[in-house]
Amino acid sequence: MSDITLVSHLQSIGTPLATAQKPAAAGFADALKSAVEDVNRSQVDADKAVERLQTGESQNLHEVMISMEKADISLRLAVQMRNKVLEAYQEIMRMQI
C-alpha cells in the first residue's frame, strides 16, 4: 500500500515542494503599495467601463454600475484605513514616556 500524503502527491505530479508553498510577505511597504495599486486599478477599470458605455462599445449598464460600485467601495475602504492609521499615529504621539 502506498503512502498517501500531500508531499507524496506533490512529488508524484512533479511539483517541487518549495514551489507549492507560498512565499513570505515582503513587507509593509510592499503591502501598502499593492493595496494602493489595487484601488487605482479598480478606479481605472470603472472609468474604462463608463467610457465604453458612452461610446456604445458596451450595452451592459449593470456591469458598468457594478464596476463603479466596486471602485467606490475600495476607495472608501482605503480612506477609512488611512483614517484609522492616522488616529493610531496621533494616539501614539500623545503618549507620555
PDB file of N, CA and C in Angstrom:
ATOM      1  N   MET A   1       0.846  -1.175   0.000  1.00  0.00           N
ATOM      2  CA  MET A   1       0.000   0.000   0.000  1.00  0.00           C
ATOM      3  C   MET A   1       0.888   1.232   0.000  1.00  0.00           C
ATOM      4  N   SER A   2       0.574   2.217  -0.819  1.00  0.00           N
ATOM      5  CA  SER A   2       1.422   3.391  -0.919  1.00  0.00           C
ATOM      6  C   SER A   2       0.980   4.451   0.085  1.00  0.00           C
ATOM      7  N   ASP A   3       1.922   5.290   0.447  1.00  0.00           N
ATOM      8  CA  ASP A   3       1.699   6.379   1.398  1.00  0.00           C
ATOM      9  C   ASP A   3       0.966   7.509   0.678  1.00  0.00           C
ATOM     10  N   ILE A   4      -0.184   7.912   1.191  1.00  0.00           N
ATOM     11  CA  ILE A   4      -0.953   8.987   0.567  1.00  0.00           C
ATOM     12  C   ILE A   4      -0.865  10.209   1.479  1.00  0.00           C
ATOM     13  N   THR A   5       0.019  11.115   1.123  1.00  0.00           N
ATOM     14  CA  THR A   5       0.166  12.370   1.852  1.00  0.00           C
ATOM     15  C   THR A   5       0.285  13.496   0.837  1.00  0.00           C
ATOM     16  N   LEU A   6       0.228  14.696   1.321  1.00  0.00           N
ATOM     17  CA  LEU A   6       0.354  15.853   0.434  1.00  0.00           C
ATOM     18  C   LEU A   6       1.720  15.866  -0.238  1.00  0.00           C
ATOM     19  N   VAL A   7       2.767  15.546   0.521  1.00  0.00           N
ATOM     20  CA  VAL A   7       4.120  15.564  -0.034  1.00  0.00           C
ATOM     21  C   VAL A   7       4.249  14.512  -1.122  1.00  0.00           C
ATOM     22  N   SER A   8       3.757  13.307  -0.869  1.00  0.00           N
ATOM     23  CA  SER A   8       3.871  12.265  -1.892  1.00  0.00           C
ATOM     24  C   SER A   8       3.034  12.607  -3.124  1.00  0.00           C
ATOM     25  N   HIS A   9       1.897  13.231  -2.903  1.00  0.00           N
ATOM     26  CA  HIS A   9       1.057  13.619  -4.044  1.00  0.00           C
ATOM     27  C   HIS A   9       1.741  14.695  -4.885  1.00  0.00           C
ATOM     28  N   LEU A  10       2.338  15.697  -4.225  1.00  0.00           N
ATOM     29  CA  LEU A  10       3.038  16.745  -4.962  1.00  0.00           C
ATOM     30  C   LEU A  10       4.237  16.186  -5.711  1.00  0.00           C
ATOM     31  N   GLN A  11       4.928  15.244  -5.089  1.00  0.00           N
ATOM     32  CA  GLN A  11       6.082  14.641  -5.771  1.00  0.00           C
ATOM     33  C   GLN A  11       5.628  13.801  -6.959  1.00  0.00           C
ATOM     34  N   SER A  12       4.465  13.168  -6.834  1.00  0.00           N
ATOM     35  CA  SER A  12       4.002  12.312  -7.931  1.00  0.00           C
ATOM     36  C   SER A  12       3.552  13.128  -9.147  1.00  0.00           C
ATOM     37  N   ILE A  13       3.082  14.355  -8.925  1.00  0.00           N
ATOM     38  CA  ILE A  13       2.670  15.156 -10.073  1.00  0.00           C
ATOM     39  C   ILE A  13       3.805  16.027 -10.596  1.00  0.00           C
ATOM     40  N   GLY A  14       4.962  15.950  -9.972  1.00  0.00           N
ATOM     41  CA  GLY A  14       6.131  16.645 -10.490  1.00  0.00           C
ATOM     42  C   GLY A  14       6.294  18.060  -9.991  1.00  0.00           C
ATOM     43  N   THR A  15       5.522  18.478  -9.000  1.00  0.00           N
ATOM     44  CA  THR A  15       5.647  19.820  -8.454  1.00  0.00           C
ATOM     45  C   THR A  15       6.592  19.789  -7.269  1.00  0.00           C
ATOM     46  N   PRO A  16       7.681  20.552  -7.339  1.00  0.00           N
ATOM     47  CA  PRO A  16       8.573  20.585  -6.185  1.00  0.00           C
ATOM     48  C   PRO A  16       7.862  21.182  -4.979  1.00  0.00           C
ATOM     49  N   LEU A  17       8.221  20.705  -3.798  1.00  0.00           N
ATOM     50  CA  LEU A  17       7.576  21.154  -2.574  1.00  0.00           C
ATOM     51  C   LEU A  17       7.831  22.633  -2.328  1.00  0.00           C
ATOM     52  N   ALA A  18       8.974  23.144  -2.726  1.00  0.00           N
ATOM     53  CA  ALA A  18       9.301  24.553  -2.488  1.00  0.00           C
ATOM     54  C   ALA A  18       8.370  25.477  -3.262  1.00  0.00           C
ATOM     55  N   THR A  19       7.956  25.088  -4.450  1.00  0.00           N
ATOM     56  CA  THR A  19       7.067  25.945  -5.227  1.00  0.00           C
ATOM     57  C   THR A  19       5.617  25.816  -4.776  1.00  0.00           C
ATOM     58  N   ALA A  20       5.301  24.755  -4.041  1.00  0.00           N
ATOM     59  CA  ALA A  20       3.942  24.582  -3.568  1.00  0.00           C
ATOM     60  C   ALA A  20       3.639  25.487  -2.376  1.00  0.00           C
ATOM     61  N   GLN A  21       4.678  25.930  -1.686  1.00  0.00           N
ATOM     62  CA  GLN A  21       4.479  26.799  -0.531  1.00  0.00           C
ATOM     63  C   GLN A  21       4.460  28.250  -0.968  1.00  0.00           C
ATOM     64  N   LYS A  22       3.639  29.037  -0.285  1.00  0.00           N
ATOM     65  CA  LYS A  22       3.510  30.450  -0.599  1.00  0.00           C
ATOM     66  C   LYS A  22       4.692  31.209  -0.001  1.00  0.00           C
ATOM     67  N   PRO A  23       5.319  32.116  -0.758  1.00  0.00           N
ATOM     68  CA  PRO A  23       6.444  32.855  -0.211  1.00  0.00           C
ATOM     69  C   PRO A  23       5.980  33.828   0.874  1.00  0.00           C
ATOM     70  N   ALA A  24       6.899  34.175   1.765  1.00  0.00           N
ATOM     71  CA  ALA A  24       6.581  35.090   2.860  1.00  0.00           C
ATOM     72  C   ALA A  24       6.326  36.496   2.318  1.00  0.00           C
ATOM     73  N   ALA A  25       5.554  37.257   3.064  1.00  0.00           N
ATOM     74  CA  ALA A  25       5.248  38.633   2.662  1.00  0.00           C
ATOM     75  C   ALA A  25       6.522  39.467   2.665  1.00  0.00           C
ATOM     76  N   ALA A  26       6.625  40.360   1.703  1.00  0.00           N
ATOM     77  CA  ALA A  26       7.847  41.143   1.539  1.00  0.00           C
ATOM     78  C   ALA A  26       7.954  42.252   2.583  1.00  0.00           C
ATOM     79  N   GLY A  27       6.849  42.818   2.997  1.00  0.00           N
ATOM     80  CA  GLY A  27       6.910  43.859   3.997  1.00  0.00           C
ATOM     81  C   GLY A  27       5.713  44.782   3.934  1.00  0.00           C
ATOM     82  N   PHE A  28       5.664  45.691   4.904  1.00  0.00           N
ATOM     83  CA  PHE A  28       4.538  46.612   5.000  1.00  0.00           C
ATOM     84  C   PHE A  28       4.485  47.549   3.807  1.00  0.00           C
ATOM     85  N   ALA A  29       5.625  48.048   3.394  1.00  0.00           N
ATOM     86  CA  ALA A  29       5.656  48.988   2.269  1.00  0.00           C
ATOM     87  C   ALA A  29       5.127  48.328   0.993  1.00  0.00           C
ATOM     88  N   ASP A  30       5.505  47.087   0.757  1.00  0.00           N
ATOM     89  CA  ASP A  30       5.023  46.383  -0.431  1.00  0.00           C
ATOM     90  C   ASP A  30       3.526  46.098  -0.342  1.00  0.00           C
ATOM     91  N   ALA A  31       3.049  45.761   0.846  1.00  0.00           N
ATOM     92  CA  ALA A  31       1.622  45.510   1.030  1.00  0.00           C
ATOM     93  C   ALA A  31       0.824  46.784   0.815  1.00  0.00           C
ATOM     94  N   LEU A  32       1.332  47.896   1.319  1.00  0.00           N
ATOM     95  CA  LEU A  32       0.651  49.180   1.143  1.00  0.00           C
ATOM     96  C   LEU A  32       0.639  49.591  -0.329  1.00  0.00           C
ATOM     97  N   LYS A  33       1.771  49.405  -0.995  1.00  0.00           N
ATOM     98  CA  LYS A  33       1.861  49.737  -2.419  1.00  0.00           C
ATOM     99  C   LYS A  33       0.889  48.881  -3.224  1.00  0.00           C
ATOM    100  N   SER A  34       0.797  47.623  -2.890  1.00  0.00           N
ATOM    101  CA  SER A  34      -0.115  46.719  -3.591  1.00  0.00           C
ATOM    102  C   SER A  34      -1.574  47.127  -3.372  1.00  0.00           C
ATOM    103  N   ALA A  35      -1.907  47.520  -2.153  1.00  0.00           N
ATOM    104  CA  ALA A  35      -3.282  47.943  -1.860  1.00  0.00           C
ATOM    105  C   ALA A  35      -3.641  49.208  -2.629  1.00  0.00           C
ATOM    106  N   VAL A  36      -2.730  50.154  -2.676  1.00  0.00           N
ATOM    107  CA  VAL A  36      -2.992  51.403  -3.413  1.00  0.00           C
ATOM    108  C   VAL A  36      -3.114  51.116  -4.908  1.00  0.00           C
ATOM    109  N   GLU A  37      -2.283  50.229  -5.426  1.00  0.00           N
ATOM    110  CA  GLU A  37      -2.370  49.864  -6.837  1.00  0.00           C
ATOM    111  C   GLU A  37      -3.694  49.189  -7.155  1.00  0.00           C
ATOM    112  N   ASP A  38      -4.200  48.346  -6.233  1.00  0.00           N
ATOM    113  CA  ASP A  38      -5.490  47.695  -6.446  1.00  0.00           C
ATOM    114  C   ASP A  38      -6.626  48.710  -6.493  1.00  0.00           C
ATOM    115  N   VAL A  39      -6.578  49.693  -5.591  1.00  0.00           N
ATOM    116  CA  VAL A  39      -7.600  50.734  -5.593  1.00  0.00           C
ATOM    117  C   VAL A  39      -7.531  51.529  -6.894  1.00  0.00           C
ATOM    118  N   ASN A  40      -6.333  51.873  -7.304  1.00  0.00           N
ATOM    119  CA  ASN A  40      -6.160  52.617  -8.560  1.00  0.00           C
ATOM    120  C   ASN A  40      -6.651  51.805  -9.748  1.00  0.00           C
ATOM    121  N   ARG A  41      -6.340  50.528  -9.765  1.00  0.00           N
ATOM    122  CA  ARG A  41      -6.758  49.668 -10.874  1.00  0.00           C
ATOM    123  C   ARG A  41      -8.284  49.596 -10.950  1.00  0.00           C
ATOM    124  N   SER A  42      -8.944  49.498  -9.801  1.00  0.00           N
ATOM    125  CA  SER A  42     -10.405  49.440  -9.820  1.00  0.00           C
ATOM    126  C   SER A  42     -11.003  50.763 -10.301  1.00  0.00           C
ATOM    127  N   GLN A  43     -10.375  51.898  -9.958  1.00  0.00           N
ATOM    128  CA  GLN A  43     -10.844  53.194 -10.438  1.00  0.00           C
ATOM    129  C   GLN A  43     -10.669  53.304 -11.955  1.00  0.00           C
ATOM    130  N   VAL A  44      -9.539  52.859 -12.453  1.00  0.00           N
ATOM    131  CA  VAL A  44      -9.268  52.913 -13.894  1.00  0.00           C
ATOM    132  C   VAL A  44     -10.228  51.998 -14.648  1.00  0.00           C
ATOM    133  N   ASP A  45     -10.482  50.802 -14.094  1.00  0.00           N
ATOM    134  CA  ASP A  45     -11.415  49.875 -14.735  1.00  0.00           C
ATOM    135  C   ASP A  45     -12.820  50.473 -14.812  1.00  0.00           C
ATOM    136  N   ALA A  46     -13.237  51.140 -13.743  1.00  0.00           N
ATOM    137  CA  ALA A  46     -14.560  51.771 -13.742  1.00  0.00           C
ATOM    138  C   ALA A  46     -14.623  52.892 -14.777  1.00  0.00           C
ATOM    139  N   ASP A  47     -13.567  53.683 -14.866  1.00  0.00           N
ATOM    140  CA  ASP A  47     -13.533  54.757 -15.871  1.00  0.00           C
ATOM    141  C   ASP A  47     -13.600  54.193 -17.291  1.00  0.00           C
ATOM    142  N   LYS A  48     -12.882  53.109 -17.535  1.00  0.00           N
ATOM    143  CA  LYS A  48     -12.906  52.498 -18.863  1.00  0.00           C
ATOM    144  C   LYS A  48     -14.283  51.924 -19.177  1.00  0.00           C
ATOM    145  N   ALA A  49     -14.932  51.351 -18.167  1.00  0.00           N
ATOM    146  CA  ALA A  49     -16.270  50.796 -18.374  1.00  0.00           C
ATOM    147  C   ALA A  49     -17.261  51.897 -18.728  1.00  0.00           C
ATOM    148  N   VAL A  50     -17.171  53.037 -18.044  1.00  0.00           N
ATOM    149  CA  VAL A  50     -18.052  54.173 -18.351  1.00  0.00           C
ATOM    150  C   VAL A  50     -17.768  54.681 -19.761  1.00  0.00           C
ATOM    151  N   GLU A  51     -16.506  54.749 -20.121  1.00  0.00           N
ATOM    152  CA  GLU A  51     -16.135  55.226 -21.463  1.00  0.00           C
ATOM    153  C   GLU A  51     -16.678  54.292 -22.547  1.00  0.00           C
ATOM    154  N   ARG A  52     -16.578  52.980 -22.299  1.00  0.00           N
ATOM    155  CA  ARG A  52     -17.112  52.013 -23.267  1.00  0.00           C
ATOM    156  C   ARG A  52     -18.625  52.144 -23.396  1.00  0.00           C
ATOM    157  N   LEU A  53     -19.298  52.420 -22.282  1.00  0.00           N
ATOM    158  CA  LEU A  53     -20.749  52.597 -22.337  1.00  0.00           C
ATOM    159  C   LEU A  53     -21.124  53.855 -23.112  1.00  0.00           C
ATOM    160  N   GLN A  54     -20.367  54.934 -22.919  1.00  0.00           N
ATOM    161  CA  GLN A  54     -20.656  56.190 -23.601  1.00  0.00           C
ATOM    162  C   GLN A  54     -20.414  56.095 -25.103  1.00  0.00           C
ATOM    163  N   THR A  55     -19.415  55.328 -25.496  1.00  0.00           N
ATOM    164  CA  THR A  55     -19.112  55.206 -26.920  1.00  0.00           C
ATOM    165  C   THR A  55     -19.982  54.165 -27.612  1.00  0.00           C
ATOM    166  N   GLY A  56     -20.784  53.433 -26.834  1.00  0.00           N
ATOM    167  CA  GLY A  56     -21.651  52.419 -27.425  1.00  0.00           C
ATOM    168  C   GLY A  56     -20.969  51.088 -27.613  1.00  0.00           C
ATOM    169  N   GLU A  57     -19.741  50.965 -27.169  1.00  0.00           N
ATOM    170  CA  GLU A  57     -18.996  49.723 -27.298  1.00  0.00           C
ATOM    171  C   GLU A  57     -19.593  48.641 -26.402  1.00  0.00           C
ATOM    172  N   SER A  58     -20.181  49.062 -25.279  1.00  0.00           N
ATOM    173  CA  SER A  58     -20.797  48.139 -24.340  1.00  0.00           C
ATOM    174  C   SER A  58     -22.247  48.536 -24.124  1.00  0.00           C
ATOM    175  N   GLN A  59     -23.122  47.556 -24.017  1.00  0.00           N
ATOM    176  CA  GLN A  59     -24.534  47.825 -23.795  1.00  0.00           C
ATOM    177  C   GLN A  59     -24.976  47.393 -22.394  1.00  0.00           C
ATOM    178  N   ASN A  60     -24.050  46.928 -21.566  1.00  0.00           N
ATOM    179  CA  ASN A  60     -24.385  46.393 -20.254  1.00  0.00           C
ATOM    180  C   ASN A  60     -24.243  47.461 -19.183  1.00  0.00           C
ATOM    181  N   LEU A  61     -25.311  48.150 -18.916  1.00  0.00           N
ATOM    182  CA  LEU A  61     -25.306  49.190 -17.890  1.00  0.00           C
ATOM    183  C   LEU A  61     -25.061  48.596 -16.509  1.00  0.00           C
ATOM    184  N   HIS A  62     -25.610  47.410 -16.256  1.00  0.00           N
ATOM    185  CA  HIS A  62     -25.451  46.809 -14.932  1.00  0.00           C
ATOM    186  C   HIS A  62     -23.989  46.471 -14.636  1.00  0.00           C
ATOM    187  N   GLU A  63     -23.230  46.045 -15.643  1.00  0.00           N
ATOM    188  CA  GLU A  63     -21.813  45.755 -15.429  1.00  0.00           C
ATOM    189  C   GLU A  63     -21.027  47.033 -15.141  1.00  0.00           C
ATOM    190  N   VAL A  64     -21.409  48.113 -15.792  1.00  0.00           N
ATOM    191  CA  VAL A  64     -20.756  49.394 -15.548  1.00  0.00           C
ATOM    192  C   VAL A  64     -21.043  49.864 -14.123  1.00  0.00           C
ATOM    193  N   MET A  65     -22.282  49.721 -13.698  1.00  0.00           N
ATOM    194  CA  MET A  65     -22.653  50.129 -12.339  1.00  0.00           C
ATOM    195  C   MET A  65     -21.944  49.277 -11.295  1.00  0.00           C
ATOM    196  N   ILE A  66     -21.826  47.988 -11.550  1.00  0.00           N
ATOM    197  CA  ILE A  66     -21.117  47.112 -10.619  1.00  0.00           C
ATOM    198  C   ILE A  66     -19.658  47.516 -10.533  1.00  0.00           C
ATOM    199  N   SER A  67     -19.047  47.802 -11.672  1.00  0.00           N
ATOM    200  CA  SER A  67     -17.647  48.235 -11.699  1.00  0.00           C
ATOM    201  C   SER A  67     -17.459  49.540 -10.927  1.00  0.00           C
ATOM    202  N   MET A  68     -18.395  50.465 -11.108  1.00  0.00           N
ATOM    203  CA  MET A  68     -18.310  51.744 -10.405  1.00  0.00           C
ATOM    204  C   MET A  68     -18.487  51.559  -8.894  1.00  0.00           C
ATOM    205  N   GLU A  69     -19.385  50.687  -8.488  1.00  0.00           N
ATOM    206  CA  GLU A  69     -19.598  50.449  -7.058  1.00  0.00           C
ATOM    207  C   GLU A  69     -18.393  49.759  -6.424  1.00  0.00           C
ATOM    208  N   LYS A  70     -17.766  48.827  -7.161  1.00  0.00           N
ATOM    209  CA  LYS A  70     -16.555  48.189  -6.648  1.00  0.00           C
ATOM    210  C   LYS A  70     -15.461  49.226  -6.430  1.00  0.00           C
ATOM    211  N   ALA A  71     -15.310  50.129  -7.372  1.00  0.00           N
ATOM    212  CA  ALA A  71     -14.299  51.179  -7.251  1.00  0.00           C
ATOM    213  C   ALA A  71     -14.623  52.096  -6.083  1.00  0.00           C
ATOM    214  N   ASP A  72     -15.894  52.436  -5.916  1.00  0.00           N
ATOM    215  CA  ASP A  72     -16.305  53.309  -4.819  1.00  0.00           C
ATOM    216  C   ASP A  72     -16.060  52.650  -3.471  1.00  0.00           C
ATOM    217  N   ILE A  73     -16.413  51.389  -3.348  1.00  0.00           N
ATOM    218  CA  ILE A  73     -16.220  50.682  -2.082  1.00  0.00           C
ATOM    219  C   ILE A  73     -14.741  50.532  -1.758  1.00  0.00           C
ATOM    220  N   SER A  74     -13.924  50.221  -2.756  1.00  0.00           N
ATOM    221  CA  SER A  74     -12.489  50.069  -2.493  1.00  0.00           C
ATOM    222  C   SER A  74     -11.857  51.399  -2.092  1.00  0.00           C
ATOM    223  N   LEU A  75     -12.313  52.497  -2.699  1.00  0.00           N
ATOM    224  CA  LEU A  75     -11.789  53.812  -2.321  1.00  0.00           C
ATOM    225  C   LEU A  75     -12.227  54.184  -0.908  1.00  0.00           C
ATOM    226  N   ARG A  76     -13.486  53.927  -0.577  1.00  0.00           N
ATOM    227  CA  ARG A  76     -13.951  54.211   0.780  1.00  0.00           C
ATOM    228  C   ARG A  76     -13.190  53.405   1.817  1.00  0.00           C
ATOM    229  N   LEU A  77     -12.922  52.142   1.511  1.00  0.00           N
ATOM    230  CA  LEU A  77     -12.152  51.300   2.424  1.00  0.00           C
ATOM    231  C   LEU A  77     -10.750  51.860   2.617  1.00  0.00           C
ATOM    232  N   ALA A  78     -10.113  52.282   1.536  1.00  0.00           N
ATOM    233  CA  ALA A  78      -8.764  52.846   1.631  1.00  0.00           C
ATOM    234  C   ALA A  78      -8.758  54.121   2.466  1.00  0.00           C
ATOM    235  N   VAL A  79      -9.766  54.960   2.296  1.00  0.00           N
ATOM    236  CA  VAL A  79      -9.846  56.194   3.077  1.00  0.00           C
ATOM    237  C   VAL A  79     -10.053  55.878   4.557  1.00  0.00           C
ATOM    238  N   GLN A  80     -10.907  54.935   4.858  1.00  0.00           N
ATOM    239  CA  GLN A  80     -11.140  54.571   6.256  1.00  0.00           C
ATOM    240  C   GLN A  80      -9.899  53.955   6.885  1.00  0.00           C
ATOM    241  N   MET A  81      -9.172  53.149   6.116  1.00  0.00           N
ATOM    242  CA  MET A  81      -7.927  52.579   6.639  1.00  0.00           C
ATOM    243  C   MET A  81      -6.915  53.681   6.914  1.00  0.00           C
ATOM    244  N   ARG A  82      -6.827  54.652   6.017  1.00  0.00           N
ATOM    245  CA  ARG A  82      -5.926  55.782   6.229  1.00  0.00           C
ATOM    246  C   ARG A  82      -6.308  56.545   7.487  1.00  0.00           C
ATOM    247  N   ASN A  83      -7.606  56.776   7.681  1.00  0.00           N
ATOM    248  CA  ASN A  83      -8.066  57.484   8.864  1.00  0.00           C
ATOM    249  C   ASN A  83      -7.700  56.734  10.146  1.00  0.00           C
ATOM    250  N   LYS A  84      -7.857  55.429  10.149  1.00  0.00           N
ATOM    251  CA  LYS A  84      -7.521  54.631  11.331  1.00  0.00           C
ATOM    252  C   LYS A  84      -6.024  54.658  11.609  1.00  0.00           C
ATOM    253  N   VAL A  85      -5.226  54.604  10.564  1.00  0.00           N
ATOM    254  CA  VAL A  85      -3.768  54.667  10.750  1.00  0.00           C
ATOM    255  C   VAL A  85      -3.369  56.027  11.312  1.00  0.00           C
ATOM    256  N   LEU A  86      -3.966  57.102  10.805  1.00  0.00           N
ATOM    257  CA  LEU A  86      -3.664  58.441  11.327  1.00  0.00           C
ATOM    258  C   LEU A  86      -4.101  58.584  12.782  1.00  0.00           C
ATOM    259  N   GLU A  87      -5.259  58.034  13.126  1.00  0.00           N
ATOM    260  CA  GLU A  87      -5.715  58.079  14.508  1.00  0.00           C
ATOM    261  C   GLU A  87      -4.753  57.332  15.419  1.00  0.00           C
ATOM    262  N   ALA A  88      -4.288  56.173  14.969  1.00  0.00           N
ATOM    263  CA  ALA A  88      -3.341  55.397  15.769  1.00  0.00           C
ATOM    264  C   ALA A  88      -2.027  56.154  15.928  1.00  0.00           C
ATOM    265  N   TYR A  89      -1.556  56.770  14.860  1.00  0.00           N
ATOM    266  CA  TYR A  89      -0.315  57.556  14.933  1.00  0.00           C
ATOM    267  C   TYR A  89      -0.479  58.722  15.902  1.00  0.00           C
ATOM    268  N   GLN A  90      -1.600  59.425  15.833  1.00  0.00           N
ATOM    269  CA  GLN A  90      -1.830  60.550  16.731  1.00  0.00           C
ATOM    270  C   GLN A  90      -1.915  60.084  18.187  1.00  0.00           C
ATOM    271  N   GLU A  91      -2.518  58.921  18.402  1.00  0.00           N
ATOM    272  CA  GLU A  91      -2.605  58.386  19.765  1.00  0.00           C
ATOM    273  C   GLU A  91      -1.216  58.028  20.287  1.00  0.00           C
ATOM    274  N   ILE A  92      -0.372  57.482  19.447  1.00  0.00           N
ATOM    275  CA  ILE A  92       0.997  57.155  19.854  1.00  0.00           C
ATOM    276  C   ILE A  92       1.771  58.428  20.169  1.00  0.00           C
ATOM    277  N   MET A  93       1.560  59.451  19.369  1.00  0.00           N
ATOM    278  CA  MET A  93       2.272  60.727  19.610  1.00  0.00           C
ATOM    279  C   MET A  93       1.811  61.404  20.900  1.00  0.00           C
ATOM    280  N   ARG A  94       0.598  61.141  21.340  1.00  0.00           N
ATOM    281  CA  ARG A  94       0.108  61.735  22.586  1.00  0.00           C
ATOM    282  C   ARG A  94       0.584  61.003  23.825  1.00  0.00           C
ATOM    283  N   MET A  95       1.116  59.802  23.629  1.00  0.00           N
ATOM    284  CA  MET A  95       1.570  59.017  24.790  1.00  0.00           C
ATOM    285  C   MET A  95       2.745  59.706  25.472  1.00  0.00           C
ATOM    286  N   GLN A  96       2.700  59.664  26.790  1.00  0.00           N
ATOM    287  CA  GLN A  96       3.811  60.236  27.555  1.00  0.00           C
ATOM    288  C   GLN A  96       4.772  59.122  27.915  1.00  0.00           C
ATOM    289  N   ILE A  97       6.036  59.474  27.829  1.00  0.00           N
ATOM    290  CA  ILE A  97       7.079  58.476  28.128  1.00  0.00           C
ATOM    291  C   ILE A  97       7.499  58.595  29.568  1.00  0.00           C
TER     292      ILE A  97
END
